Amino acid sequence: MRKGSEILFIVVIILLSGMKVTSQQVSPYKISRLSVNLQNYSEISPVIVDDGIIFCSDRRLTGITDRTSFDNRRLYNLYFAGRKDTSDFRKPVNIKSERSALFNTGPLCISPDGETVYFTSEIETGIPSRNRKFRNHSGIFTARLSGMELISIQPFKYNNSEYNIGQPSISADGRYLYFASDMPGGLGQSDIYYCEMINGEWSNPVNMGSHINSPETDNYPCIHPSGRLFFASNRPGGMGGLDVYSSDFRDNSWEEPVRLASPVNSAQDDFAFVAAPDLQKGFFASNRRRNDDIYEFTTSIIRKASCNPLEINNYCYEFVEENAVKYDTIPFTFDWNFGDGTKAQGRIVEHCYAGPGKYMVQLDVTNMVTNEVKLNEKSQLLVIEDVEQPYISCPDISETGQAIKFSADSTNLPGWDISSYYWNFGDETIAAGKNVEKSYIHPGTFNIQLIVTSKPDAAGVRREACVSKDITIMKKP
């Protein structure tokens, strides 16, 4: 069993819709609108950097005149807003480039080594782009960030003048680049794709498939350092407009996307979600106040990037008389006493014990010709112990709307003085307690995590262990 040693401070808030609780139901998210937002302008696509955020805005760059494209639409440019303190930002500073005056710049992402910027902008910059009737398309470009300027701009090899690709997000190891595109062959109006870095070159774009994409619009991907993918979609079952969803990659496939809870999602468009490495805070964009604005969030939801699959305790054994070959010429019977009050007969037998314990297993062999009995021909002390781990007891399959009991009573962590049991049900709901009850609203397969934390020891260190288990929820007939 993996034994965690990190200190975990759990803020327990119970809970969301579908959870049976006695206290008032509270959202696990708290949000606030950032001071960098300007009235009558749009701010979108925040990216977390060491000392602040970089975001896109169609605000005026200078003076009193709006910067507009050739078809008279406001241009988006990149801005950096440094942290003033933990709750506020300094005045945003424009990140310039050779494209800033005439074309959109952003959204963007930054490579793990900080050397390369990937950003969205128009593909065509020549004479055709100056015709208001010309339909320009977006592509991805690379650049270096020198101070507050993008330099050495180069087009992405898969840009195409017939369709859009953009909204890039790069994995923490720099191996995968995710983006949205309406290229032909997709599942919906816009799909999420990725390219893999192989031998220093990006592979051909790969559609992420029906596990992620829908027949509607799926865009604004953000791959978290934990490997979790956040994206926006207006698929059926949302709260309205674009909603933010998340999916984890497990067992070589993407799990069914889970819609984030209110107030991150609303009846309007909510998108461009980005989270800090600990997943406890971050930002997103929303037009819930007419214009697109950036919001900051904090959450009490804890979900571990690494959580051991539950090991089922095994109490069943096969017993074999390995020396039976020496009895082949004479008929014998083999009588087993399993040490728990039960017996069986046969050279090979199976037996399931009720639970852990110490059992003296004995074998008596009887010569059926002479009726001679060899008592204790074989004896062995069998010690059965539960796996040292938190333990999730719940059904494997249930239905929507059905109250399900979840128990941690079988948790086996010798030497632990347990202080808390924290449940994450894989659908943006949480609970605390050794025994809890909840129901699922939507069908699907959900990965449950149980996080158990000890009281601090003499050195003030808390121990922590996490196990996970899947539950399949069927739609109630």
Protein backbone atom coordinates (compact mmCIF):
# COMPACT_ATOMS: atom_id res chain seq x y z
CA MET A 1 0.00 0.00 0.00
CA ARG A 2 1.16 3.49 -0.81
CA LYS A 3 1.44 5.55 2.35
CA GLY A 4 1.19 9.29 1.86
CA SER A 5 3.11 11.63 4.10
CA GLU A 6 1.96 15.00 2.89
CA ILE A 7 -0.07 17.25 5.11
CA LEU A 8 -3.64 17.56 3.92
CA PHE A 9 -5.85 20.33 5.22
CA ILE A 10 -9.41 19.41 4.36
CA VAL A 11 -12.09 22.02 4.17
CA VAL A 12 -15.30 20.04 4.43
CA ILE A 13 -18.36 21.43 2.74
CA ILE A 14 -21.37 19.18 2.36
CA LEU A 15 -22.52 19.14 -0.53
CA LEU A 16 -24.20 19.45 -3.91
CA SER A 17 -27.39 18.25 -5.55
CA GLY A 18 -28.08 14.56 -5.25
CA MET A 19 -26.50 14.26 -1.79
CA LYS A 20 -28.53 13.35 1.26
CA VAL A 21 -27.37 15.67 4.03
CA THR A 22 -28.82 17.28 7.09
CA SER A 23 -26.98 20.59 6.75
CA GLN A 24 -27.61 23.29 4.16
CA GLN A 25 -26.27 22.41 0.73
CA VAL A 26 -23.42 24.67 -0.31
CA SER A 27 -21.54 24.88 -3.59
CA PRO A 28 -17.91 23.74 -3.39
CA TYR A 29 -16.90 26.72 -5.55
CA LYS A 30 -16.54 30.36 -4.63
CA ILE A 31 -16.03 32.87 -7.44
CA SER A 32 -15.19 36.55 -7.75
CA ARG A 33 -15.03 38.85 -10.77
CA LEU A 34 -11.51 40.19 -11.40
CA SER A 35 -10.64 43.87 -11.21
CA VAL A 36 -8.89 43.62 -14.61
CA ASN A 37 -12.27 43.46 -16.36
CA LEU A 38 -13.43 46.62 -18.13
CA GLN A 39 -17.03 47.60 -18.69
CA ASN A 40 -18.18 47.27 -22.31
CA TYR A 41 -15.11 45.22 -23.27
CA SER A 42 -14.36 41.51 -23.20
CA GLU A 43 -11.68 39.67 -21.25
CA ILE A 44 -11.15 35.95 -21.88
CA SER A 45 -8.69 33.03 -21.81
CA PRO A 46 -6.59 33.60 -18.67
CA VAL A 47 -3.28 31.78 -18.37
CA ILE A 48 -1.54 31.43 -15.01
CA VAL A 49 2.08 32.58 -14.89
CA ASP A 50 4.46 32.86 -11.95
CA ASP A 51 3.55 36.35 -10.83
CA GLY A 52 0.15 36.95 -12.39
CA ILE A 53 -1.97 36.10 -15.41
CA ILE A 54 -1.89 36.66 -19.16
CA PHE A 55 -5.28 37.12 -20.80
CA CYS A 56 -6.98 38.33 -24.00
CA SER A 57 -9.03 41.51 -24.26
CA ASP A 58 -10.60 43.58 -27.02
CA ARG A 59 -10.12 46.81 -25.04
CA ARG A 60 -8.52 49.87 -26.59
CA LEU A 61 -4.76 49.69 -26.72
CA THR A 62 -4.28 53.44 -26.42
CA GLY A 63 -6.23 56.65 -26.79
CA ILE A 64 -9.94 56.74 -27.44
CA THR A 65 -10.12 54.75 -30.68
CA ASP A 66 -10.91 51.05 -30.76
CA ARG A 67 -8.53 48.77 -32.64
CA THR A 68 -10.65 46.93 -35.20
CA SER A 69 -10.06 44.33 -37.86
CA PHE A 70 -10.65 44.90 -41.56
CA ASP A 71 -14.24 43.70 -41.10
CA ASN A 72 -14.70 46.28 -38.33
CA ARG A 73 -14.59 43.92 -35.34
CA ARG A 74 -12.65 44.75 -32.21
CA LEU A 75 -9.26 43.09 -32.05
CA TYR A 76 -8.18 40.88 -29.18
CA ASN A 77 -4.71 41.46 -27.81
CA LEU A 78 -2.69 39.90 -25.01
CA TYR A 79 -2.21 41.54 -21.62
CA PHE A 80 -0.21 40.73 -18.53
CA ALA A 81 -1.62 41.56 -15.11
CA GLY A 82 0.79 41.11 -12.21
CA ARG A 83 -0.37 40.18 -8.75
CA LYS A 84 -0.72 43.13 -6.40
CA ASP A 85 -1.59 40.83 -3.52
CA THR A 86 -3.45 37.57 -3.01
CA SER A 87 -6.77 39.14 -3.96
CA ASP A 88 -6.00 41.83 -6.55
CA PHE A 89 -3.99 42.59 -9.68
CA ARG A 90 -2.00 45.53 -10.99
CA LYS A 91 -3.04 47.45 -14.09
CA PRO A 92 -2.71 45.19 -17.17
CA VAL A 93 0.17 45.78 -19.59
CA ASN A 94 -0.16 45.06 -23.31
CA ILE A 95 2.03 42.31 -24.75
CA LYS A 96 2.94 43.68 -28.17
CA SER A 97 3.67 41.92 -31.42
CA GLU A 98 3.89 42.72 -35.12
CA ARG A 99 0.26 41.57 -35.37
CA SER A 100 -1.23 43.67 -32.57
CA ALA A 101 -2.45 46.56 -34.70
CA LEU A 102 -4.25 44.62 -37.44
CA PHE A 103 -4.98 41.08 -36.24
CA ASN A 104 -6.21 39.18 -33.19
CA THR A 105 -3.56 37.82 -30.86
CA GLY A 106 -4.50 35.03 -28.45
CA PRO A 107 -5.52 32.87 -26.70
CA LEU A 108 -2.10 31.46 -25.86
CA CYS A 109 -0.20 28.88 -23.87
CA ILE A 110 3.44 28.74 -22.82
CA SER A 111 5.74 25.73 -23.14
CA PRO A 112 6.92 24.11 -19.89
CA ASP A 113 10.44 25.50 -20.32
CA GLY A 114 9.04 29.01 -20.83
CA GLU A 115 10.85 29.38 -24.16
CA THR A 116 7.97 29.07 -26.62
CA VAL A 117 4.58 30.73 -26.79
CA TYR A 118 1.76 29.16 -28.81
CA PHE A 119 -0.99 31.61 -29.69
CA THR A 120 -4.00 32.03 -31.96
CA SER A 121 -4.15 34.58 -34.77
CA GLU A 122 -5.38 34.98 -38.34
CA ILE A 123 -3.63 32.95 -41.02
CA GLU A 124 -3.83 35.39 -43.91
CA THR A 125 -2.06 38.71 -43.37
CA GLY A 126 -1.58 39.80 -46.97
CA ILE A 127 -3.73 41.82 -49.35
CA PRO A 128 -6.73 39.41 -49.31
CA SER A 129 -7.11 39.94 -45.56
CA ARG A 130 -7.80 43.63 -46.15
CA ASN A 131 -11.00 42.87 -48.04
CA ARG A 132 -13.98 43.07 -45.71
CA LYS A 133 -15.68 40.24 -47.61
CA PHE A 134 -12.69 37.95 -47.21
CA ARG A 135 -13.22 35.19 -44.66
CA ASN A 136 -10.00 34.83 -42.77
CA HIS A 137 -9.36 31.76 -40.63
CA SER A 138 -7.48 31.36 -37.39
CA GLY A 139 -4.34 29.34 -36.93
CA ILE A 140 -1.73 28.65 -34.28
CA PHE A 141 1.59 30.48 -34.24
CA THR A 142 4.74 30.11 -32.17
CA ALA A 143 6.84 32.93 -30.78
CA ARG A 144 9.28 33.85 -28.06
CA LEU A 145 8.25 36.20 -25.27
CA SER A 146 10.88 38.90 -24.87
CA GLY A 147 9.84 41.18 -22.05
CA MET A 148 6.37 42.38 -23.07
CA GLU A 149 6.70 41.50 -26.76
CA LEU A 150 6.18 38.42 -28.93
CA ILE A 151 9.07 37.98 -31.34
CA SER A 152 10.24 35.40 -33.90
CA ILE A 153 6.69 34.52 -34.89
CA GLN A 154 6.29 31.35 -36.98
CA PRO A 155 3.14 29.58 -38.27
CA PHE A 156 2.14 26.14 -37.02
CA LYS A 157 2.66 23.52 -39.73
CA TYR A 158 -0.99 22.42 -39.68
CA ASN A 159 -2.58 25.83 -40.22
CA ASN A 160 -5.01 25.73 -43.12
CA SER A 161 -6.72 28.59 -44.93
CA GLU A 162 -9.91 26.51 -45.26
CA TYR A 163 -10.68 26.12 -41.55
CA ASN A 164 -9.82 27.32 -38.04
CA ILE A 165 -7.49 25.88 -35.45
CA GLY A 166 -6.68 27.68 -32.23
CA GLN A 167 -6.96 27.93 -28.44
CA PRO A 168 -3.76 25.91 -27.84
CA SER A 169 -2.86 24.20 -24.58
CA ILE A 170 0.37 22.25 -24.04
CA SER A 171 0.94 19.40 -21.59
CA ALA A 172 3.28 19.78 -18.62
CA ASP A 173 5.89 17.56 -20.26
CA GLY A 174 5.65 19.40 -23.59
CA ARG A 175 4.70 16.20 -25.37
CA TYR A 176 1.12 17.00 -26.38
CA LEU A 177 -0.43 20.12 -27.86
CA TYR A 178 -4.21 20.34 -27.60
CA PHE A 179 -6.36 22.74 -29.60
CA ALA A 180 -9.85 23.28 -31.03
CA SER A 181 -10.69 23.13 -34.72
CA ASP A 182 -13.61 23.01 -37.14
CA MET A 183 -11.55 21.05 -39.68
CA PRO A 184 -13.48 18.59 -41.88
CA GLY A 185 -14.09 15.11 -40.46
CA GLY A 186 -14.92 16.19 -36.93
CA LEU A 187 -17.83 15.01 -34.81
CA GLY A 188 -19.40 18.43 -34.28
CA GLN A 189 -19.22 22.09 -35.17
CA SER A 190 -15.88 22.31 -33.39
CA ASP A 191 -13.82 19.46 -31.93
CA ILE A 192 -10.78 19.12 -29.71
CA TYR A 193 -7.63 17.66 -31.26
CA TYR A 194 -4.07 16.98 -30.16
CA CYS A 195 -0.65 16.60 -31.75
CA GLU A 196 2.21 14.59 -30.23
CA MET A 197 5.82 15.72 -30.32
CA ILE A 198 7.76 12.90 -32.00
CA ASN A 199 11.46 13.28 -32.84
CA GLY A 200 11.22 17.04 -32.56
CA GLU A 201 8.18 17.35 -34.86
CA TRP A 202 4.46 17.63 -34.16
CA SER A 203 2.49 14.63 -35.43
CA ASN A 204 -0.63 14.95 -37.54
CA PRO A 205 -3.66 16.23 -35.58
CA VAL A 206 -5.68 13.50 -33.87
CA ASN A 207 -9.36 13.95 -33.03
CA MET A 208 -9.94 13.12 -29.36
CA GLY A 209 -12.98 11.07 -30.29
CA SER A 210 -16.45 10.67 -28.90
CA HIS A 211 -15.22 10.28 -25.31
CA ILE A 212 -14.48 14.02 -25.38
CA ASN A 213 -16.12 15.52 -28.45
CA SER A 214 -19.86 15.79 -29.06
CA PRO A 215 -22.07 16.56 -32.08
CA GLU A 216 -22.14 20.17 -30.85
CA THR A 217 -19.32 22.65 -30.11
CA ASP A 218 -16.33 21.58 -28.02
CA ASN A 219 -13.51 24.07 -27.58
CA TYR A 220 -11.17 25.93 -25.20
CA PRO A 221 -9.15 22.87 -24.09
CA CYS A 222 -6.85 23.21 -21.10
CA ILE A 223 -4.64 20.29 -20.14
CA HIS A 224 -3.79 20.46 -16.44
CA PRO A 225 -0.38 19.34 -15.07
CA SER A 226 -2.19 16.41 -13.42
CA GLY A 227 -3.29 15.20 -16.86
CA ARG A 228 -6.90 16.27 -16.40
CA LEU A 229 -8.49 17.92 -19.42
CA PHE A 230 -10.82 20.88 -19.01
CA PHE A 231 -12.83 22.14 -21.96
CA ALA A 232 -16.02 23.98 -22.89
CA SER A 233 -19.04 22.47 -24.63
CA ASN A 234 -22.64 23.31 -25.42
CA ARG A 235 -23.63 19.63 -25.57
CA PRO A 236 -27.06 18.55 -24.28
CA GLY A 237 -27.39 18.27 -20.51
CA GLY A 238 -25.61 21.53 -19.73
CA MET A 239 -26.82 24.52 -17.79
CA GLY A 240 -26.99 26.72 -20.89
CA GLY A 241 -24.61 28.02 -23.55
CA LEU A 242 -21.07 26.76 -23.15
CA ASP A 243 -20.33 24.86 -19.94
CA VAL A 244 -17.01 23.76 -18.48
CA TYR A 245 -16.35 20.01 -18.37
CA SER A 246 -13.45 17.90 -17.14
CA SER A 247 -12.16 14.44 -17.96
CA ASP A 248 -9.34 12.28 -16.61
CA PHE A 249 -7.23 9.88 -18.68
CA ARG A 250 -7.30 6.50 -16.98
CA ASP A 251 -6.68 2.94 -18.16
CA ASN A 252 -5.67 4.22 -21.61
CA SER A 253 -8.90 6.10 -22.28
CA TRP A 254 -10.61 9.35 -21.38
CA GLU A 255 -13.34 9.10 -18.78
CA GLU A 256 -16.83 10.42 -19.43
CA PRO A 257 -16.68 14.22 -19.08
CA VAL A 258 -18.13 15.70 -15.90
CA ARG A 259 -19.78 19.12 -15.92
CA LEU A 260 -18.40 21.42 -13.24
CA ALA A 261 -20.84 22.68 -10.66
CA SER A 262 -22.43 26.09 -10.28
CA PRO A 263 -21.36 28.87 -9.91
CA VAL A 264 -18.52 28.05 -12.31
CA ASN A 265 -21.18 27.07 -14.82
CA SER A 266 -24.25 29.19 -15.41
CA ALA A 267 -27.08 29.65 -17.90
CA GLN A 268 -24.71 31.69 -20.09
CA ASP A 269 -21.39 30.88 -21.78
CA ASP A 270 -18.70 29.66 -19.37
CA PHE A 271 -15.36 28.68 -20.87
CA ALA A 272 -11.55 29.05 -20.87
CA PHE A 273 -11.15 27.32 -17.50
CA VAL A 274 -7.64 27.06 -16.04
CA ALA A 275 -6.61 25.70 -12.64
CA ALA A 276 -3.51 26.03 -10.48
CA PRO A 277 -1.41 22.87 -10.00
CA ASP A 278 -3.23 22.02 -6.74
CA LEU A 279 -6.64 22.40 -8.46
CA GLN A 280 -7.82 24.48 -5.51
CA LYS A 281 -7.97 27.77 -7.37
CA GLY A 282 -7.90 29.19 -10.87
CA PHE A 283 -9.78 31.27 -13.41
CA PHE A 284 -12.41 31.06 -16.13
CA ALA A 285 -14.33 33.36 -18.48
CA SER A 286 -18.07 33.94 -18.63
CA ASN A 287 -20.55 36.30 -20.28
CA ARG A 288 -23.06 36.03 -17.43
CA ARG A 289 -22.91 39.83 -17.13
CA ARG A 290 -23.41 40.39 -20.88
CA ASN A 291 -19.74 40.95 -21.77
CA ASP A 292 -17.08 38.28 -21.41
CA ASP A 293 -15.31 38.69 -18.07
CA ILE A 294 -12.68 36.74 -16.17
CA TYR A 295 -13.55 35.23 -12.81
CA GLU A 296 -11.33 33.73 -10.14
CA PHE A 297 -12.46 30.62 -8.29
CA THR A 298 -11.49 28.72 -5.19
CA THR A 299 -12.83 25.30 -4.37
CA SER A 300 -13.06 22.85 -1.50
CA ILE A 301 -13.16 19.92 -3.93
CA ILE A 302 -10.15 17.67 -3.48
CA ARG A 303 -9.39 15.16 -6.20
CA LYS A 304 -6.07 13.36 -6.26
CA ALA A 305 -4.14 12.98 -9.50
CA SER A 306 -2.70 9.76 -8.06
CA CYS A 307 -5.03 7.46 -6.14
CA ASN A 308 -4.55 3.71 -5.78
CA PRO A 309 -7.29 1.45 -7.16
CA LEU A 310 -9.15 -0.39 -4.41
CA GLU A 311 -7.79 -3.88 -3.78
CA ILE A 312 -10.57 -6.31 -2.96
CA ASN A 313 -9.80 -8.37 0.15
CA ASN A 314 -9.54 -12.04 -0.79
CA TYR A 315 -10.68 -14.66 1.69
CA CYS A 316 -10.95 -17.59 -0.76
CA TYR A 317 -8.21 -20.20 -1.18
CA GLU A 318 -7.48 -23.41 -3.03
CA PHE A 319 -5.96 -26.27 -1.04
CA VAL A 320 -4.05 -29.05 -2.83
CA GLU A 321 -2.50 -32.28 -1.57
CA GLU A 322 0.67 -32.08 -3.64
CA ASN A 323 1.95 -35.53 -2.60
CA ALA A 324 -1.18 -37.37 -3.71
CA VAL A 325 0.81 -39.10 -6.47
CA LYS A 326 2.31 -41.49 -3.91
CA TYR A 327 -1.20 -42.71 -3.14
CA ASP A 328 -2.12 -43.46 -6.75
CA THR A 329 -2.04 -47.27 -6.39
CA ILE A 330 -4.25 -47.31 -3.30
CA PRO A 331 -7.59 -45.51 -2.84
CA PHE A 332 -7.38 -42.76 -0.25
CA THR A 333 -9.68 -40.03 0.97
CA PHE A 334 -8.45 -36.55 1.85
CA ASP A 335 -10.27 -34.77 4.65
CA TRP A 336 -9.59 -31.08 5.19
CA ASN A 337 -10.30 -29.14 8.34
CA PHE A 338 -10.10 -25.41 7.57
CA GLY A 339 -9.79 -24.26 11.15
CA ASP A 340 -13.00 -22.24 11.13
CA GLY A 341 -15.42 -25.07 11.91
CA THR A 342 -15.86 -26.20 8.31
CA LYS A 343 -14.54 -29.27 6.52
CA ALA A 344 -14.30 -30.62 2.97
CA GLN A 345 -13.10 -33.75 1.19
CA GLY A 346 -10.96 -34.10 -1.93
CA ARG A 347 -7.41 -33.87 -3.18
CA ILE A 348 -8.11 -30.32 -4.43
CA VAL A 349 -10.65 -28.23 -2.54
CA GLU A 350 -11.64 -24.58 -2.35
CA HIS A 351 -12.82 -22.68 0.67
CA CYS A 352 -13.82 -19.09 1.44
CA TYR A 353 -13.32 -17.72 4.94
CA ALA A 354 -15.63 -15.18 6.51
CA GLY A 355 -12.86 -12.70 7.10
CA PRO A 356 -9.31 -12.12 8.31
CA GLY A 357 -7.83 -14.21 11.09
CA LYS A 358 -5.50 -17.08 11.95
CA TYR A 359 -6.65 -20.52 10.86
CA MET A 360 -4.95 -23.89 11.46
CA VAL A 361 -5.58 -25.94 8.33
CA GLN A 362 -5.24 -29.71 8.78
CA LEU A 363 -5.36 -32.64 6.35
CA ASP A 364 -6.22 -36.20 7.36
CA VAL A 365 -5.57 -39.01 4.86
CA THR A 366 -7.52 -42.28 5.12
CA ASN A 367 -6.53 -45.58 3.48
CA MET A 368 -9.85 -46.90 2.16
CA VAL A 369 -8.52 -50.47 2.07
CA THR A 370 -7.20 -50.68 5.62
CA ASN A 371 -9.21 -47.73 7.05
CA GLU A 372 -5.95 -46.50 8.50
CA VAL A 373 -6.10 -42.76 9.15
CA LYS A 374 -3.03 -40.58 8.99
CA LEU A 375 -3.94 -37.67 11.18
CA ASN A 376 -2.38 -34.28 10.42
CA GLU A 377 -0.73 -35.57 7.27
CA LYS A 378 -0.40 -31.89 6.54
CA SER A 379 -0.99 -28.88 8.77
CA GLN A 380 -0.38 -25.20 8.22
CA LEU A 381 -1.20 -21.98 10.02
CA LEU A 382 -2.96 -19.71 7.53
CA VAL A 383 -2.85 -16.02 8.41
CA ILE A 384 -5.34 -13.88 6.50
CA GLU A 385 -4.98 -10.12 6.70
CA ASP A 386 -6.90 -7.35 5.02
CA VAL A 387 -4.98 -5.13 2.62
CA GLU A 388 -3.70 -2.03 4.40
CA GLN A 389 -5.78 0.65 2.71
CA PRO A 390 -8.87 2.79 3.02
CA TYR A 391 -11.83 0.72 1.89
CA ILE A 392 -14.84 1.68 -0.22
CA SER A 393 -17.94 -0.45 0.24
CA CYS A 394 -20.67 0.31 -2.29
CA PRO A 395 -22.48 -1.40 -5.17
CA ASP A 396 -20.77 -1.65 -8.53
CA ILE A 397 -23.94 -0.68 -10.42
CA SER A 398 -26.89 1.52 -9.52
CA GLU A 399 -29.50 3.78 -11.13
CA THR A 400 -30.02 7.51 -11.40
CA GLY A 401 -31.95 8.90 -8.47
CA GLN A 402 -31.26 5.83 -6.34
CA ALA A 403 -29.93 6.50 -2.83
CA ILE A 404 -26.58 4.71 -2.54
CA LYS A 405 -24.80 3.95 0.72
CA PHE A 406 -21.03 4.37 0.80
CA SER A 407 -19.09 2.97 3.73
CA ALA A 408 -15.47 3.12 4.87
CA ASP A 409 -16.07 0.73 7.79
CA SER A 410 -13.67 -1.86 6.36
CA THR A 411 -10.76 0.59 6.22
CA ASN A 412 -7.60 -1.13 7.46
CA LEU A 413 -4.82 1.28 8.42
CA PRO A 414 -3.04 -0.16 11.47
CA GLY A 415 -1.46 2.44 13.72
CA TRP A 416 -3.44 5.33 12.23
CA ASP A 417 -5.45 7.65 14.43
CA ILE A 418 -7.90 8.64 11.70
CA SER A 419 -9.28 12.16 11.79
CA SER A 420 -11.31 12.35 8.58
CA TYR A 421 -12.88 10.45 5.71
CA TYR A 422 -13.30 12.53 2.54
CA TRP A 423 -15.32 11.32 -0.44
CA ASN A 424 -15.11 12.58 -4.02
CA PHE A 425 -17.80 10.93 -6.11
CA GLY A 426 -16.41 11.85 -9.52
CA ASP A 427 -19.38 14.04 -10.46
CA GLU A 428 -18.36 17.28 -8.73
CA THR A 429 -19.96 16.21 -5.45
CA ILE A 430 -18.15 15.54 -2.19
CA ALA A 431 -18.94 14.36 1.33
CA ALA A 432 -17.27 13.75 4.66
CA GLY A 433 -17.77 10.93 7.11
CA LYS A 434 -17.20 7.24 7.53
CA ASN A 435 -20.65 6.38 6.18
CA VAL A 436 -22.43 8.61 3.67
CA GLU A 437 -25.32 8.38 1.25
CA LYS A 438 -25.90 10.04 -2.11
CA SER A 439 -27.59 9.61 -5.47
CA TYR A 440 -26.37 10.36 -8.98
CA ILE A 441 -28.39 12.59 -11.29
CA HIS A 442 -26.82 11.53 -14.59
CA PRO A 443 -25.91 8.08 -15.95
CA GLY A 444 -22.32 7.15 -16.63
CA THR A 445 -19.26 5.58 -15.03
CA PHE A 446 -17.85 7.60 -12.15
CA ASN A 447 -14.54 7.17 -10.35
CA ILE A 448 -14.97 7.48 -6.58
CA GLN A 449 -12.07 8.55 -4.40
CA LEU A 450 -11.88 8.03 -0.64
CA ILE A 451 -9.18 10.07 1.07
CA VAL A 452 -8.38 9.16 4.66
CA THR A 453 -6.31 11.48 6.83
CA SER A 454 -4.78 10.83 10.24
CA LYS A 455 -4.45 13.14 13.17
CA PRO A 456 -1.02 14.79 13.40
CA ASP A 457 1.69 12.75 15.09
CA ALA A 458 4.18 14.07 17.64
CA ALA A 459 6.06 15.84 14.85
CA GLY A 460 2.87 17.45 13.57
CA VAL A 461 2.74 15.32 10.41
CA ARG A 462 -0.55 13.99 9.09
CA ARG A 463 -0.66 10.78 7.08
CA GLU A 464 -2.93 10.41 4.08
CA ALA A 465 -4.07 7.53 1.89
CA CYS A 466 -6.35 7.47 -1.14
CA VAL A 467 -8.20 4.64 -2.90
CA SER A 468 -10.52 4.76 -5.89
CA LYS A 469 -13.31 2.63 -7.27
CA ASP A 470 -15.60 2.88 -10.30
CA ILE A 471 -19.37 2.87 -10.07
CA THR A 472 -21.64 2.57 -13.10
CA ILE A 473 -24.91 4.49 -12.99
CA MET A 474 -27.65 3.35 -15.36
CA LYS A 475 -30.52 5.56 -16.44
CA LYS A 476 -33.59 4.66 -14.43
CA PRO A 477 -36.23 3.10 -16.71
